[in-house]
């Protein structure tokens, strides 16, 4: 699927793949970051993800800090790759972003911060320094 097709399906409430785990979240986030400026991607992806969470009865699982942190990391990695990269190549070059638990965010956040009500509601700045 192209990035545009991934976004269209997602915004229509159909995530890519049979399941919608971390790797599928990353695929959709990658599509948004490739197709839109970062702040537009954050807004659109977050809104669509919240709608999907409500639709599936899992709105309590949405976490804005995790969502935004991964989109910022995707953007950084795309930029480091020269600004244009296909999903398959991105996955090959960034396996650390596809690992969920333990994942890359543990370098930047303590788990209790990531799971806090505040982090679920708004983007919280990292509390660990590299």
Protein backbone atom coordinates (compact mmCIF):
# COMPACT_ATOMS: atom_id res chain seq x y z
CA UNK A 1 0.00 0.00 0.00
CA UNK A 2 1.11 3.54 -0.65
CA UNK A 3 1.30 6.08 2.16
CA UNK A 4 -1.84 7.77 0.81
CA UNK A 5 -3.73 4.46 0.78
CA UNK A 6 -2.59 3.66 4.33
CA UNK A 7 -3.86 7.05 5.52
CA UNK A 8 -7.17 6.73 3.67
CA UNK A 9 -7.85 3.30 5.16
CA UNK A 10 -6.86 4.45 8.63
CA UNK A 11 -9.03 7.56 8.50
CA UNK A 12 -11.93 5.36 7.38
CA UNK A 13 -11.45 3.28 10.53
CA UNK A 14 -9.60 0.37 8.95
CA UNK A 15 -6.01 -0.02 10.16
CA UNK A 16 -3.55 -1.87 7.93
CA UNK A 17 -3.22 -5.57 8.66
CA UNK A 18 -5.37 -7.98 10.63
CA UNK A 19 -4.12 -6.69 13.98
CA UNK A 20 -3.19 -3.19 15.05
CA UNK A 21 -0.15 -3.53 17.23
CA UNK A 22 2.97 -1.39 17.51
CA UNK A 23 4.38 -2.17 14.04
CA UNK A 24 1.07 -1.22 12.42
CA UNK A 25 0.95 2.00 14.44
CA UNK A 26 4.45 2.75 13.16
CA UNK A 27 3.42 2.10 9.56
CA UNK A 28 0.52 4.52 9.80
CA UNK A 29 2.60 7.11 11.64
CA UNK A 30 5.29 6.81 8.98
CA UNK A 31 2.69 7.45 6.27
CA UNK A 32 1.42 10.58 7.99
CA UNK A 33 4.93 11.94 8.56
CA UNK A 34 5.86 11.30 4.92
CA UNK A 35 2.74 12.97 3.57
CA UNK A 36 2.32 16.00 5.86
CA UNK A 37 4.36 18.57 7.76
CA UNK A 38 5.06 17.27 11.27
CA UNK A 39 2.49 19.31 13.18
CA UNK A 40 -0.22 18.45 10.68
CA UNK A 41 0.82 14.78 10.89
CA UNK A 42 0.60 14.92 14.70
CA UNK A 43 -2.87 16.42 14.58
CA UNK A 44 -4.28 14.12 11.90
CA UNK A 45 -2.77 10.89 13.19
CA UNK A 46 -3.74 11.61 16.79
CA UNK A 47 -7.33 12.44 15.84
CA UNK A 48 -7.70 9.33 13.68
CA UNK A 49 -6.09 7.13 16.34
CA UNK A 50 -8.46 8.49 19.01
CA UNK A 51 -11.46 7.79 16.73
CA UNK A 52 -10.25 4.23 16.15
CA UNK A 53 -9.67 3.73 19.88
CA UNK A 54 -13.21 4.88 20.67
CA UNK A 55 -14.65 2.70 17.87
CA UNK A 56 -12.84 -0.37 19.20
CA UNK A 57 -13.74 0.33 22.84
CA UNK A 58 -10.12 1.05 23.76
CA UNK A 59 -10.07 4.81 24.24
CA UNK A 60 -8.38 4.30 27.62
CA UNK A 61 -5.29 3.00 25.78
CA UNK A 62 -4.60 6.21 23.83
CA UNK A 63 -1.41 7.89 25.04
CA UNK A 64 -0.51 11.24 23.53
CA UNK A 65 3.07 11.20 24.77
CA UNK A 66 3.80 7.81 23.22
CA UNK A 67 2.04 8.78 19.98
CA UNK A 68 3.83 12.08 19.56
CA UNK A 69 7.23 10.79 20.69
CA UNK A 70 7.20 8.08 18.05
CA UNK A 71 6.11 10.51 15.33
CA UNK A 72 8.96 12.85 16.27
CA UNK A 73 11.39 9.91 16.16
CA UNK A 74 10.04 8.83 12.76
CA UNK A 75 10.49 12.38 11.47
CA UNK A 76 14.05 12.53 12.78
CA UNK A 77 14.96 9.22 11.16
CA UNK A 78 13.37 10.15 7.81
CA UNK A 79 15.34 13.41 7.83
CA UNK A 80 18.58 11.58 8.64
CA UNK A 81 17.87 9.25 5.71
CA UNK A 82 17.79 12.20 3.33
CA UNK A 83 14.11 13.05 3.56
CA UNK A 84 12.76 10.42 1.20
CA UNK A 85 12.60 6.76 2.13
CA UNK A 86 10.22 3.89 1.50
CA UNK A 87 8.63 1.99 4.38
CA UNK A 88 10.52 -1.26 3.75
CA UNK A 89 13.87 0.55 3.78
CA UNK A 90 12.84 2.54 6.86
CA UNK A 91 12.04 -0.69 8.73
CA UNK A 92 15.37 -2.21 7.71
CA UNK A 93 17.30 0.85 8.90
CA UNK A 94 15.31 1.43 12.12
CA UNK A 95 14.52 -1.86 13.85
CA UNK A 96 14.79 -0.13 17.23
CA UNK A 97 11.65 1.87 16.43
CA UNK A 98 9.68 -1.31 15.73
CA UNK A 99 10.47 -2.94 19.08
CA UNK A 100 7.63 -2.32 21.53
CA UNK A 101 8.58 -3.61 24.98
CA UNK A 102 11.25 -2.82 25.82
CA UNK A 103 11.24 -0.01 23.33
CA UNK A 104 13.22 3.07 22.48
CA UNK A 105 11.07 5.34 24.65
CA UNK A 106 12.62 3.76 27.76
CA UNK A 107 15.76 5.75 26.85
CA UNK A 108 13.80 8.96 27.21
CA UNK A 109 11.09 8.22 29.80
CA UNK A 110 10.61 6.36 33.03
CA UNK A 111 7.68 3.92 32.71
CA UNK A 112 5.67 5.63 35.46
CA UNK A 113 5.83 8.90 33.53
CA UNK A 114 4.74 7.25 30.27
CA UNK A 115 1.81 5.57 31.97
CA UNK A 116 0.69 8.64 33.90
CA UNK A 117 -2.68 10.26 33.27
CA UNK A 118 -0.85 13.42 32.23
CA UNK A 119 1.17 11.58 29.55
CA UNK A 120 -1.98 9.97 28.23
CA UNK A 121 -3.69 13.35 27.90
CA UNK A 122 -0.92 15.67 26.66
CA UNK A 123 2.62 15.36 25.33
CA UNK A 124 5.03 15.22 28.26
CA UNK A 125 8.67 16.12 27.74
CA UNK A 126 11.20 13.31 28.32
CA UNK A 127 12.33 12.92 31.90
CA UNK A 128 15.55 11.05 31.13
CA UNK A 129 18.60 12.45 29.42
CA UNK A 130 20.61 10.39 26.98
